[in-house]
Amino acid sequence: MMIEKIKNKVKNNVGIKHKFRFNGSRNQIEEFEGIINNTYNAVFTILVDEYSIKSFSYSDLLTKNLEILDVDFSNL
């Protein structure tokens, strides 16, 4: 049920600009700003700039591979 709570939290933040931290492969950390653009059944998309869209799964948030730095997920 944790994924459902994460999905709801992401859906509530659609259209809002946030700061993100992505822990990629080989310990590469990428920080960027973007707007949560769309939510789908298994993934959501982030509009990074006018021409760039990134997609992530909700499990990326659950496993903390992706963090939304200015949204509190501690109470889930």
PDB file of N, CA and C in Angstrom:
ATOM      1  N   MET A   1       0.810  -1.196   0.000  1.00  0.00           N
ATOM      2  CA  MET A   1       0.000   0.000   0.000  1.00  0.00           C
ATOM      3  C   MET A   1       0.858   1.267   0.000  1.00  0.00           C
ATOM      4  N   MET A   2       2.135   1.123   0.288  1.00  0.00           N
ATOM      5  CA  MET A   2       3.031   2.273   0.315  1.00  0.00           C
ATOM      6  C   MET A   2       3.115   2.928  -1.056  1.00  0.00           C
ATOM      7  N   ILE A   3       3.112   2.140  -2.114  1.00  0.00           N
ATOM      8  CA  ILE A   3       3.183   2.690  -3.473  1.00  0.00           C
ATOM      9  C   ILE A   3       1.958   3.553  -3.752  1.00  0.00           C
ATOM     10  N   GLU A   4       0.790   3.148  -3.290  1.00  0.00           N
ATOM     11  CA  GLU A   4      -0.432   3.937  -3.515  1.00  0.00           C
ATOM     12  C   GLU A   4      -0.326   5.305  -2.846  1.00  0.00           C
ATOM     13  N   LYS A   5       0.241   5.345  -1.650  1.00  0.00           N
ATOM     14  CA  LYS A   5       0.423   6.622  -0.961  1.00  0.00           C
ATOM     15  C   LYS A   5       1.416   7.507  -1.711  1.00  0.00           C
ATOM     16  N   ILE A   6       2.476   6.901  -2.238  1.00  0.00           N
ATOM     17  CA  ILE A   6       3.459   7.648  -3.018  1.00  0.00           C
ATOM     18  C   ILE A   6       2.818   8.185  -4.292  1.00  0.00           C
ATOM     19  N   LYS A   7       2.009   7.361  -4.971  1.00  0.00           N
ATOM     20  CA  LYS A   7       1.311   7.811  -6.185  1.00  0.00           C
ATOM     21  C   LYS A   7       0.416   9.010  -5.884  1.00  0.00           C
ATOM     22  N   ASN A   8      -0.318   8.949  -4.796  1.00  0.00           N
ATOM     23  CA  ASN A   8      -1.201  10.053  -4.423  1.00  0.00           C
ATOM     24  C   ASN A   8      -0.406  11.323  -4.125  1.00  0.00           C
ATOM     25  N   LYS A   9       0.723  11.175  -3.441  1.00  0.00           N
ATOM     26  CA  LYS A   9       1.560  12.330  -3.114  1.00  0.00           C
ATOM     27  C   LYS A   9       2.113  12.966  -4.389  1.00  0.00           C
ATOM     28  N   VAL A  10       2.525  12.136  -5.348  1.00  0.00           N
ATOM     29  CA  VAL A  10       3.044  12.648  -6.616  1.00  0.00           C
ATOM     30  C   VAL A  10       1.916  13.336  -7.389  1.00  0.00           C
ATOM     31  N   LYS A  11       0.735  12.715  -7.443  1.00  0.00           N
ATOM     32  CA  LYS A  11      -0.400  13.314  -8.158  1.00  0.00           C
ATOM     33  C   LYS A  11      -0.784  14.668  -7.569  1.00  0.00           C
ATOM     34  N   ASN A  12      -0.657  14.822  -6.261  1.00  0.00           N
ATOM     35  CA  ASN A  12      -0.976  16.094  -5.610  1.00  0.00           C
ATOM     36  C   ASN A  12       0.038  17.190  -5.932  1.00  0.00           C
ATOM     37  N   ASN A  13       1.184  16.807  -6.487  1.00  0.00           N
ATOM     38  CA  ASN A  13       2.237  17.778  -6.795  1.00  0.00           C
ATOM     39  C   ASN A  13       2.428  18.001  -8.290  1.00  0.00           C
ATOM     40  N   VAL A  14       1.490  17.545  -9.113  1.00  0.00           N
ATOM     41  CA  VAL A  14       1.568  17.766 -10.555  1.00  0.00           C
ATOM     42  C   VAL A  14       1.467  19.266 -10.832  1.00  0.00           C
ATOM     43  N   GLY A  15       2.345  19.741 -11.702  1.00  0.00           N
ATOM     44  CA  GLY A  15       2.335  21.147 -12.087  1.00  0.00           C
ATOM     45  C   GLY A  15       3.133  22.056 -11.184  1.00  0.00           C
ATOM     46  N   ILE A  16       3.754  21.504 -10.167  1.00  0.00           N
ATOM     47  CA  ILE A  16       4.526  22.295  -9.210  1.00  0.00           C
ATOM     48  C   ILE A  16       6.020  22.039  -9.432  1.00  0.00           C
ATOM     49  N   LYS A  17       6.806  23.097  -9.405  1.00  0.00           N
ATOM     50  CA  LYS A  17       8.250  22.969  -9.594  1.00  0.00           C
ATOM     51  C   LYS A  17       8.899  22.484  -8.305  1.00  0.00           C
ATOM     52  N   HIS A  18       9.778  21.480  -8.445  1.00  0.00           N
ATOM     53  CA  HIS A  18      10.471  20.898  -7.293  1.00  0.00           C
ATOM     54  C   HIS A  18      11.942  20.696  -7.613  1.00  0.00           C
ATOM     55  N   LYS A  19      12.718  20.447  -6.563  1.00  0.00           N
ATOM     56  CA  LYS A  19      14.118  20.072  -6.699  1.00  0.00           C
ATOM     57  C   LYS A  19      14.206  18.554  -6.500  1.00  0.00           C
ATOM     58  N   PHE A  20      15.004  17.897  -7.340  1.00  0.00           N
ATOM     59  CA  PHE A  20      15.124  16.444  -7.320  1.00  0.00           C
ATOM     60  C   PHE A  20      16.582  16.044  -7.184  1.00  0.00           C
ATOM     61  N   ARG A  21      16.794  14.873  -6.593  1.00  0.00           N
ATOM     62  CA  ARG A  21      18.112  14.250  -6.534  1.00  0.00           C
ATOM     63  C   ARG A  21      17.941  12.809  -6.992  1.00  0.00           C
ATOM     64  N   PHE A  22      18.685  12.439  -8.039  1.00  0.00           N
ATOM     65  CA  PHE A  22      18.620  11.078  -8.566  1.00  0.00           C
ATOM     66  C   PHE A  22      19.945  10.388  -8.321  1.00  0.00           C
ATOM     67  N   ASN A  23      19.889   9.257  -7.632  1.00  0.00           N
ATOM     68  CA  ASN A  23      21.071   8.439  -7.375  1.00  0.00           C
ATOM     69  C   ASN A  23      21.164   7.394  -8.475  1.00  0.00           C
ATOM     70  N   GLY A  24      21.973   7.680  -9.480  1.00  0.00           N
ATOM     71  CA  GLY A  24      22.084   6.805 -10.641  1.00  0.00           C
ATOM     72  C   GLY A  24      23.065   5.679 -10.423  1.00  0.00           C
ATOM     73  N   SER A  25      23.411   5.044 -11.510  1.00  0.00           N
ATOM     74  CA  SER A  25      24.343   3.925 -11.438  1.00  0.00           C
ATOM     75  C   SER A  25      25.755   4.436 -11.150  1.00  0.00           C
ATOM     76  N   ARG A  26      26.552   3.580 -10.580  1.00  0.00           N
ATOM     77  CA  ARG A  26      27.951   3.871 -10.241  1.00  0.00           C
ATOM     78  C   ARG A  26      28.093   5.101  -9.351  1.00  0.00           C
ATOM     79  N   ASN A  27      27.148   5.250  -8.429  1.00  0.00           N
ATOM     80  CA  ASN A  27      27.174   6.326  -7.439  1.00  0.00           C
ATOM     81  C   ASN A  27      27.184   7.729  -8.054  1.00  0.00           C
ATOM     82  N   GLN A  28      26.612   7.858  -9.239  1.00  0.00           N
ATOM     83  CA  GLN A  28      26.479   9.177  -9.847  1.00  0.00           C
ATOM     84  C   GLN A  28      25.213   9.835  -9.310  1.00  0.00           C
ATOM     85  N   ILE A  29      25.358  11.022  -8.776  1.00  0.00           N
ATOM     86  CA  ILE A  29      24.224  11.756  -8.215  1.00  0.00           C
ATOM     87  C   ILE A  29      23.955  12.965  -9.098  1.00  0.00           C
ATOM     88  N   GLU A  30      22.710  13.091  -9.518  1.00  0.00           N
ATOM     89  CA  GLU A  30      22.300  14.207 -10.367  1.00  0.00           C
ATOM     90  C   GLU A  30      21.225  14.995  -9.631  1.00  0.00           C
ATOM     91  N   GLU A  31      21.423  16.282  -9.509  1.00  0.00           N
ATOM     92  CA  GLU A  31      20.411  17.155  -8.914  1.00  0.00           C
ATOM     93  C   GLU A  31      19.883  18.061 -10.008  1.00  0.00           C
ATOM     94  N   PHE A  32      18.563  18.228 -10.034  1.00  0.00           N
ATOM     95  CA  PHE A  32      17.943  19.058 -11.060  1.00  0.00           C
ATOM     96  C   PHE A  32      16.614  19.589 -10.548  1.00  0.00           C
ATOM     97  N   GLU A  33      16.118  20.608 -11.230  1.00  0.00           N
ATOM     98  CA  GLU A  33      14.803  21.164 -10.936  1.00  0.00           C
ATOM     99  C   GLU A  33      13.879  20.826 -12.088  1.00  0.00           C
ATOM    100  N   GLY A  34      12.609  20.611 -11.765  1.00  0.00           N
ATOM    101  CA  GLY A  34      11.649  20.310 -12.809  1.00  0.00           C
ATOM    102  C   GLY A  34      10.237  20.335 -12.281  1.00  0.00           C
ATOM    103  N   ILE A  35       9.311  20.178 -13.206  1.00  0.00           N
ATOM    104  CA  ILE A  35       7.890  20.186 -12.892  1.00  0.00           C
ATOM    105  C   ILE A  35       7.338  18.789 -13.146  1.00  0.00           C
ATOM    106  N   ILE A  36       6.666  18.227 -12.150  1.00  0.00           N
ATOM    107  CA  ILE A  36       6.014  16.933 -12.366  1.00  0.00           C
ATOM    108  C   ILE A  36       4.912  17.168 -13.389  1.00  0.00           C
ATOM    109  N   ASN A  37       5.050  16.511 -14.525  1.00  0.00           N
ATOM    110  CA  ASN A  37       4.239  16.803 -15.694  1.00  0.00           C
ATOM    111  C   ASN A  37       3.011  15.913 -15.802  1.00  0.00           C
ATOM    112  N   ASN A  38       3.211  14.624 -15.787  1.00  0.00           N
ATOM    113  CA  ASN A  38       2.115  13.652 -15.940  1.00  0.00           C
ATOM    114  C   ASN A  38       2.335  12.473 -15.010  1.00  0.00           C
ATOM    115  N   THR A  39       1.242  11.855 -14.610  1.00  0.00           N
ATOM    116  CA  THR A  39       1.326  10.609 -13.846  1.00  0.00           C
ATOM    117  C   THR A  39       0.617   9.513 -14.627  1.00  0.00           C
ATOM    118  N   TYR A  40       1.200   8.358 -14.603  1.00  0.00           N
ATOM    119  CA  TYR A  40       0.643   7.187 -15.267  1.00  0.00           C
ATOM    120  C   TYR A  40       0.567   6.065 -14.252  1.00  0.00           C
ATOM    121  N   ASN A  41       0.120   4.912 -14.695  1.00  0.00           N
ATOM    122  CA  ASN A  41      -0.065   3.781 -13.791  1.00  0.00           C
ATOM    123  C   ASN A  41       1.229   3.362 -13.091  1.00  0.00           C
ATOM    124  N   ALA A  42       2.324   3.267 -13.833  1.00  0.00           N
ATOM    125  CA  ALA A  42       3.567   2.763 -13.250  1.00  0.00           C
ATOM    126  C   ALA A  42       4.667   3.805 -13.181  1.00  0.00           C
ATOM    127  N   VAL A  43       4.532   4.906 -13.915  1.00  0.00           N
ATOM    128  CA  VAL A  43       5.584   5.917 -13.969  1.00  0.00           C
ATOM    129  C   VAL A  43       4.988   7.318 -13.909  1.00  0.00           C
ATOM    130  N   PHE A  44       5.869   8.290 -13.706  1.00  0.00           N
ATOM    131  CA  PHE A  44       5.490   9.691 -13.812  1.00  0.00           C
ATOM    132  C   PHE A  44       6.603  10.418 -14.550  1.00  0.00           C
ATOM    133  N   THR A  45       6.265  11.554 -15.157  1.00  0.00           N
ATOM    134  CA  THR A  45       7.247  12.285 -15.940  1.00  0.00           C
ATOM    135  C   THR A  45       7.515  13.644 -15.310  1.00  0.00           C
ATOM    136  N   ILE A  46       8.746  14.109 -15.515  1.00  0.00           N
ATOM    137  CA  ILE A  46       9.186  15.394 -15.003  1.00  0.00           C
ATOM    138  C   ILE A  46       9.701  16.208 -16.182  1.00  0.00           C
ATOM    139  N   LEU A  47       9.142  17.404 -16.348  1.00  0.00           N
ATOM    140  CA  LEU A  47       9.580  18.331 -17.377  1.00  0.00           C
ATOM    141  C   LEU A  47      10.748  19.122 -16.807  1.00  0.00           C
ATOM    142  N   VAL A  48      11.950  18.840 -17.323  1.00  0.00           N
ATOM    143  CA  VAL A  48      13.162  19.457 -16.781  1.00  0.00           C
ATOM    144  C   VAL A  48      13.371  20.837 -17.388  1.00  0.00           C
ATOM    145  N   ASP A  49      13.241  20.933 -18.670  1.00  0.00           N
ATOM    146  CA  ASP A  49      13.252  22.225 -19.348  1.00  0.00           C
ATOM    147  C   ASP A  49      12.316  22.119 -20.541  1.00  0.00           C
ATOM    148  N   GLU A  50      12.355  23.088 -21.394  1.00  0.00           N
ATOM    149  CA  GLU A  50      11.398  23.143 -22.487  1.00  0.00           C
ATOM    150  C   GLU A  50      11.465  21.914 -23.402  1.00  0.00           C
ATOM    151  N   TYR A  51      12.640  21.275 -23.492  1.00  0.00           N
ATOM    152  CA  TYR A  51      12.834  20.183 -24.445  1.00  0.00           C
ATOM    153  C   TYR A  51      13.188  18.844 -23.811  1.00  0.00           C
ATOM    154  N   SER A  52      13.246  18.773 -22.509  1.00  0.00           N
ATOM    155  CA  SER A  52      13.721  17.557 -21.853  1.00  0.00           C
ATOM    156  C   SER A  52      12.701  17.034 -20.843  1.00  0.00           C
ATOM    157  N   ILE A  53      12.356  15.760 -20.987  1.00  0.00           N
ATOM    158  CA  ILE A  53      11.434  15.092 -20.075  1.00  0.00           C
ATOM    159  C   ILE A  53      12.121  13.843 -19.535  1.00  0.00           C
ATOM    160  N   LYS A  54      12.047  13.649 -18.238  1.00  0.00           N
ATOM    161  CA  LYS A  54      12.584  12.444 -17.600  1.00  0.00           C
ATOM    162  C   LYS A  54      11.415  11.660 -17.028  1.00  0.00           C
ATOM    163  N   SER A  55      11.525  10.341 -17.049  1.00  0.00           N
ATOM    164  CA  SER A  55      10.474   9.522 -16.448  1.00  0.00           C
ATOM    165  C   SER A  55      11.068   8.635 -15.372  1.00  0.00           C
ATOM    166  N   PHE A  56      10.279   8.425 -14.329  1.00  0.00           N
ATOM    167  CA  PHE A  56      10.700   7.626 -13.190  1.00  0.00           C
ATOM    168  C   PHE A  56       9.530   6.765 -12.736  1.00  0.00           C
ATOM    169  N   SER A  57       9.837   5.670 -12.090  1.00  0.00           N
ATOM    170  CA  SER A  57       8.788   4.836 -11.512  1.00  0.00           C
ATOM    171  C   SER A  57       8.557   5.267 -10.067  1.00  0.00           C
ATOM    172  N   TYR A  58       7.403   4.922  -9.552  1.00  0.00           N
ATOM    173  CA  TYR A  58       7.099   5.247  -8.160  1.00  0.00           C
ATOM    174  C   TYR A  58       8.019   4.479  -7.215  1.00  0.00           C
ATOM    175  N   SER A  59       8.486   3.332  -7.651  1.00  0.00           N
ATOM    176  CA  SER A  59       9.402   2.561  -6.809  1.00  0.00           C
ATOM    177  C   SER A  59      10.760   3.250  -6.682  1.00  0.00           C
ATOM    178  N   ASP A  60      11.100   4.144  -7.633  1.00  0.00           N
ATOM    179  CA  ASP A  60      12.323   4.938  -7.475  1.00  0.00           C
ATOM    180  C   ASP A  60      12.236   5.817  -6.234  1.00  0.00           C
ATOM    181  N   LEU A  61      11.053   6.333  -5.950  1.00  0.00           N
ATOM    182  CA  LEU A  61      10.857   7.118  -4.729  1.00  0.00           C
ATOM    183  C   LEU A  61      10.861   6.228  -3.494  1.00  0.00           C
ATOM    184  N   LEU A  62      10.265   5.044  -3.621  1.00  0.00           N
ATOM    185  CA  LEU A  62      10.198   4.117  -2.493  1.00  0.00           C
ATOM    186  C   LEU A  62      11.597   3.662  -2.077  1.00  0.00           C
ATOM    187  N   THR A  63      12.441   3.371  -3.051  1.00  0.00           N
ATOM    188  CA  THR A  63      13.797   2.900  -2.765  1.00  0.00           C
ATOM    189  C   THR A  63      14.798   4.040  -2.574  1.00  0.00           C
ATOM    190  N   LYS A  64      14.312   5.268  -2.715  1.00  0.00           N
ATOM    191  CA  LYS A  64      15.115   6.473  -2.548  1.00  0.00           C
ATOM    192  C   LYS A  64      16.203   6.626  -3.600  1.00  0.00           C
ATOM    193  N   ASN A  65      16.000   5.996  -4.779  1.00  0.00           N
ATOM    194  CA  ASN A  65      16.868   6.290  -5.915  1.00  0.00           C
ATOM    195  C   ASN A  65      16.573   7.693  -6.432  1.00  0.00           C
ATOM    196  N   LEU A  66      15.339   8.134  -6.247  1.00  0.00           N
ATOM    197  CA  LEU A  66      14.929   9.491  -6.584  1.00  0.00           C
ATOM    198  C   LEU A  66      14.359  10.124  -5.329  1.00  0.00           C
ATOM    199  N   GLU A  67      14.786  11.344  -5.059  1.00  0.00           N
ATOM    200  CA  GLU A  67      14.246  12.086  -3.922  1.00  0.00           C
ATOM    201  C   GLU A  67      13.684  13.404  -4.431  1.00  0.00           C
ATOM    202  N   ILE A  68      12.525  13.775  -3.935  1.00  0.00           N
ATOM    203  CA  ILE A  68      11.985  15.100  -4.173  1.00  0.00           C
ATOM    204  C   ILE A  68      12.367  15.890  -2.933  1.00  0.00           C
ATOM    205  N   LEU A  69      13.322  16.786  -3.077  1.00  0.00           N
ATOM    206  CA  LEU A  69      13.967  17.394  -1.926  1.00  0.00           C
ATOM    207  C   LEU A  69      13.050  18.306  -1.116  1.00  0.00           C
ATOM    208  N   ASP A  70      12.060  18.911  -1.760  1.00  0.00           N
ATOM    209  CA  ASP A  70      11.212  19.834  -1.025  1.00  0.00           C
ATOM    210  C   ASP A  70       9.809  19.296  -0.761  1.00  0.00           C
ATOM    211  N   VAL A  71       9.662  17.955  -0.789  1.00  0.00           N
ATOM    212  CA  VAL A  71       8.406  17.300  -0.429  1.00  0.00           C
ATOM    213  C   VAL A  71       8.702  16.285   0.665  1.00  0.00           C
ATOM    214  N   ASP A  72       7.907  16.292   1.715  1.00  0.00           N
ATOM    215  CA  ASP A  72       8.143  15.405   2.850  1.00  0.00           C
ATOM    216  C   ASP A  72       7.441  14.071   2.640  1.00  0.00           C
ATOM    217  N   PHE A  73       8.227  13.004   2.503  1.00  0.00           N
ATOM    218  CA  PHE A  73       7.675  11.662   2.360  1.00  0.00           C
ATOM    219  C   PHE A  73       7.822  10.863   3.651  1.00  0.00           C
ATOM    220  N   SER A  74       8.276  11.478   4.711  1.00  0.00           N
ATOM    221  CA  SER A  74       8.557  10.752   5.954  1.00  0.00           C
ATOM    222  C   SER A  74       7.301  10.261   6.652  1.00  0.00           C
ATOM    223  N   ASN A  75       6.155  10.881   6.399  1.00  0.00           N
ATOM    224  CA  ASN A  75       4.934  10.491   7.114  1.00  0.00           C
ATOM    225  C   ASN A  75       4.131   9.419   6.386  1.00  0.00           C
ATOM    226  N   LEU A  76       4.683   8.808   5.339  1.00  0.00           N
ATOM    227  CA  LEU A  76       3.936   7.776   4.606  1.00  0.00           C
ATOM    228  C   LEU A  76       4.028   6.443   5.290  1.00  0.00           C
TER     229      LEU A  76
END
